[in-house]
Amino acid sequence: MIALFTLSSLALALQAAPSVGLTSYEEAVRCAGLTQAASELEGGESRQGRALYDAALYWSLAAMQAGSASGRSSQAAEADQTRARIAAVRQFSADARAARAALQACRRRTPNLG
């Protein structure tokens, strides 16, 4: 039930996203990788972890949608996100300030799914 509510909220957020401004495929993949990595590192038990999970879900679907719109296969879009997530984990593990700043920028652009 909760997953259905989240997916419904996410679908509405994706529909509303263009009014805020279009996001390029590359930006969506970068945000997907950053939020997925941060979500994995944080875990889902905390409020922060749940918010990161929601952001990761949003950006993953946004990247898939942007990939489809630009003619990429779903397999290519998934592979791009995997590479972005692995790179982000490495950046976070090295405590890269740029990665944390990029994550915050992505989170500011994530619609409220709650």
C-alpha atoms as a PDB file:
ATOM      1  CA  MET A   1       0.000   0.000   0.000  1.00  0.00           C
ATOM      2  CA  ILE A   2       2.777   2.419   0.938  1.00  0.00           C
ATOM      3  CA  ALA A   3       4.721   1.500  -2.193  1.00  0.00           C
ATOM      4  CA  LEU A   4       1.629   2.193  -4.305  1.00  0.00           C
ATOM      5  CA  PHE A   5       1.195   5.585  -2.643  1.00  0.00           C
ATOM      6  CA  THR A   6       4.866   6.411  -3.196  1.00  0.00           C
ATOM      7  CA  LEU A   7       4.696   5.369  -6.840  1.00  0.00           C
ATOM      8  CA  SER A   8       1.542   7.440  -7.339  1.00  0.00           C
ATOM      9  CA  SER A   9       3.217  10.446  -5.720  1.00  0.00           C
ATOM     10  CA  LEU A  10       6.287   9.854  -7.839  1.00  0.00           C
ATOM     11  CA  ALA A  11       4.263   9.696 -11.044  1.00  0.00           C
ATOM     12  CA  LEU A  12       2.643  13.028 -10.183  1.00  0.00           C
ATOM     13  CA  ALA A  13       6.024  14.541  -9.348  1.00  0.00           C
ATOM     14  CA  LEU A  14       7.485  13.384 -12.646  1.00  0.00           C
ATOM     15  CA  GLN A  15       4.559  14.920 -14.503  1.00  0.00           C
ATOM     16  CA  ALA A  16       5.046  18.196 -12.657  1.00  0.00           C
ATOM     17  CA  ALA A  17       8.839  18.257 -13.092  1.00  0.00           C
ATOM     18  CA  PRO A  18       8.883  19.953 -16.527  1.00  0.00           C
ATOM     19  CA  SER A  19       7.170  23.031 -15.106  1.00  0.00           C
ATOM     20  CA  VAL A  20      10.201  23.512 -12.855  1.00  0.00           C
ATOM     21  CA  GLY A  21      12.558  23.152 -15.805  1.00  0.00           C
ATOM     22  CA  LEU A  22      13.873  20.320 -17.885  1.00  0.00           C
ATOM     23  CA  THR A  23      16.712  18.216 -16.601  1.00  0.00           C
ATOM     24  CA  SER A  24      19.171  16.715 -19.038  1.00  0.00           C
ATOM     25  CA  TYR A  25      19.725  12.991 -19.161  1.00  0.00           C
ATOM     26  CA  GLU A  26      23.248  13.453 -17.847  1.00  0.00           C
ATOM     27  CA  GLU A  27      22.031  15.532 -14.883  1.00  0.00           C
ATOM     28  CA  ALA A  28      19.322  13.000 -14.056  1.00  0.00           C
ATOM     29  CA  VAL A  29      21.837  10.131 -14.180  1.00  0.00           C
ATOM     30  CA  ARG A  30      24.256  12.072 -11.971  1.00  0.00           C
ATOM     31  CA  CYS A  31      21.530  12.802  -9.421  1.00  0.00           C
ATOM     32  CA  ALA A  32      20.347   9.188  -9.573  1.00  0.00           C
ATOM     33  CA  GLY A  33      23.868   7.956  -8.869  1.00  0.00           C
ATOM     34  CA  LEU A  34      24.441  10.414  -6.042  1.00  0.00           C
ATOM     35  CA  THR A  35      21.120   9.786  -4.319  1.00  0.00           C
ATOM     36  CA  GLN A  36      21.353   6.006  -4.734  1.00  0.00           C
ATOM     37  CA  ALA A  37      24.857   5.970  -3.260  1.00  0.00           C
ATOM     38  CA  ALA A  38      23.892   8.259  -0.382  1.00  0.00           C
ATOM     39  CA  SER A  39      20.789   6.170   0.316  1.00  0.00           C
ATOM     40  CA  GLU A  40      22.831   2.972   0.441  1.00  0.00           C
ATOM     41  CA  LEU A  41      25.439   4.536   2.718  1.00  0.00           C
ATOM     42  CA  GLU A  42      22.831   6.046   5.058  1.00  0.00           C
ATOM     43  CA  GLY A  43      20.495   3.052   5.262  1.00  0.00           C
ATOM     44  CA  GLY A  44      16.719   3.253   5.403  1.00  0.00           C
ATOM     45  CA  GLU A  45      16.094   3.298   9.135  1.00  0.00           C
ATOM     46  CA  SER A  46      16.368   7.028   9.713  1.00  0.00           C
ATOM     47  CA  ARG A  47      14.253   9.892   8.434  1.00  0.00           C
ATOM     48  CA  GLN A  48      17.262  11.019   6.382  1.00  0.00           C
ATOM     49  CA  GLY A  49      17.615   7.512   4.939  1.00  0.00           C
ATOM     50  CA  ARG A  50      13.966   7.412   3.868  1.00  0.00           C
ATOM     51  CA  ALA A  51      14.238  10.848   2.252  1.00  0.00           C
ATOM     52  CA  LEU A  52      17.338   9.733   0.369  1.00  0.00           C
ATOM     53  CA  TYR A  53      15.536   6.575  -0.763  1.00  0.00           C
ATOM     54  CA  ASP A  54      12.649   8.676  -2.100  1.00  0.00           C
ATOM     55  CA  ALA A  55      15.083  10.987  -3.892  1.00  0.00           C
ATOM     56  CA  ALA A  56      16.921   7.996  -5.377  1.00  0.00           C
ATOM     57  CA  LEU A  57      13.643   6.545  -6.629  1.00  0.00           C
ATOM     58  CA  TYR A  58      12.618   9.866  -8.156  1.00  0.00           C
ATOM     59  CA  TRP A  59      15.942  10.457  -9.905  1.00  0.00           C
ATOM     60  CA  SER A  60      16.174   6.887 -11.126  1.00  0.00           C
ATOM     61  CA  LEU A  61      12.775   7.129 -12.779  1.00  0.00           C
ATOM     62  CA  ALA A  62      13.561  10.618 -14.098  1.00  0.00           C
ATOM     63  CA  ALA A  63      16.769   9.273 -15.655  1.00  0.00           C
ATOM     64  CA  MET A  64      14.895   6.356 -17.212  1.00  0.00           C
ATOM     65  CA  GLN A  65      12.287   8.744 -18.623  1.00  0.00           C
ATOM     66  CA  ALA A  66      14.941  11.137 -19.977  1.00  0.00           C
ATOM     67  CA  GLY A  67      16.855   8.203 -21.432  1.00  0.00           C
ATOM     68  CA  SER A  68      13.773   6.923 -23.188  1.00  0.00           C
ATOM     69  CA  ALA A  69      13.009  10.382 -24.546  1.00  0.00           C
ATOM     70  CA  SER A  70      16.526  10.608 -25.966  1.00  0.00           C
ATOM     71  CA  GLY A  71      16.361   7.179 -27.601  1.00  0.00           C
ATOM     72  CA  ARG A  72      18.445   5.218 -25.090  1.00  0.00           C
ATOM     73  CA  SER A  73      17.476   1.669 -24.226  1.00  0.00           C
ATOM     74  CA  SER A  74      16.424   0.933 -20.654  1.00  0.00           C
ATOM     75  CA  GLN A  75      19.475  -1.332 -20.325  1.00  0.00           C
ATOM     76  CA  ALA A  76      21.795   1.537 -21.307  1.00  0.00           C
ATOM     77  CA  ALA A  77      20.071   3.908 -18.882  1.00  0.00           C
ATOM     78  CA  GLU A  78      20.338   1.381 -16.053  1.00  0.00           C
ATOM     79  CA  ALA A  79      24.025   0.794 -16.839  1.00  0.00           C
ATOM     80  CA  ASP A  80      24.686   4.547 -16.818  1.00  0.00           C
ATOM     81  CA  GLN A  81      23.019   4.832 -13.404  1.00  0.00           C
ATOM     82  CA  THR A  82      25.047   1.925 -12.054  1.00  0.00           C
ATOM     83  CA  ARG A  83      28.287   3.561 -13.175  1.00  0.00           C
ATOM     84  CA  ALA A  84      27.170   6.882 -11.645  1.00  0.00           C
ATOM     85  CA  ARG A  85      26.286   5.162  -8.349  1.00  0.00           C
ATOM     86  CA  ILE A  86      29.652   3.383  -8.167  1.00  0.00           C
ATOM     87  CA  ALA A  87      31.490   6.634  -8.894  1.00  0.00           C
ATOM     88  CA  ALA A  88      29.433   8.441  -6.237  1.00  0.00           C
ATOM     89  CA  VAL A  89      30.157   5.773  -3.603  1.00  0.00           C
ATOM     90  CA  ARG A  90      33.857   6.205  -4.298  1.00  0.00           C
ATOM     91  CA  GLN A  91      33.539   9.997  -4.066  1.00  0.00           C
ATOM     92  CA  PHE A  92      31.577   9.828  -0.797  1.00  0.00           C
ATOM     93  CA  SER A  93      34.044   7.320   0.642  1.00  0.00           C
ATOM     94  CA  ALA A  94      36.834   9.779  -0.080  1.00  0.00           C
ATOM     95  CA  ASP A  95      34.661  12.483   1.569  1.00  0.00           C
ATOM     96  CA  ALA A  96      34.679  14.586  -1.568  1.00  0.00           C
ATOM     97  CA  ARG A  97      33.106  17.979  -0.874  1.00  0.00           C
ATOM     98  CA  ALA A  98      32.063  18.318  -4.500  1.00  0.00           C
ATOM     99  CA  ALA A  99      30.039  15.091  -4.287  1.00  0.00           C
ATOM    100  CA  ARG A 100      28.262  16.258  -1.140  1.00  0.00           C
ATOM    101  CA  ALA A 101      27.519  19.646  -2.675  1.00  0.00           C
ATOM    102  CA  ALA A 102      26.191  17.964  -5.831  1.00  0.00           C
ATOM    103  CA  LEU A 103      24.008  15.689  -3.677  1.00  0.00           C
ATOM    104  CA  GLN A 104      22.521  18.705  -1.901  1.00  0.00           C
ATOM    105  CA  ALA A 105      21.802  20.374  -5.240  1.00  0.00           C
ATOM    106  CA  CYS A 106      20.005  17.223  -6.408  1.00  0.00           C
ATOM    107  CA  ARG A 107      18.017  17.033  -3.186  1.00  0.00           C
ATOM    108  CA  ARG A 108      16.899  20.640  -3.559  1.00  0.00           C
ATOM    109  CA  ARG A 109      15.561  19.747  -7.011  1.00  0.00           C
ATOM    110  CA  THR A 110      13.751  16.623  -5.760  1.00  0.00           C
ATOM    111  CA  PRO A 111       9.994  17.075  -5.337  1.00  0.00           C
ATOM    112  CA  ASN A 112       8.526  16.325  -1.927  1.00  0.00           C
ATOM    113  CA  LEU A 113       7.132  12.801  -2.215  1.00  0.00           C
ATOM    114  CA  GLY A 114       5.897  12.597   1.372  1.00  0.00           C
END
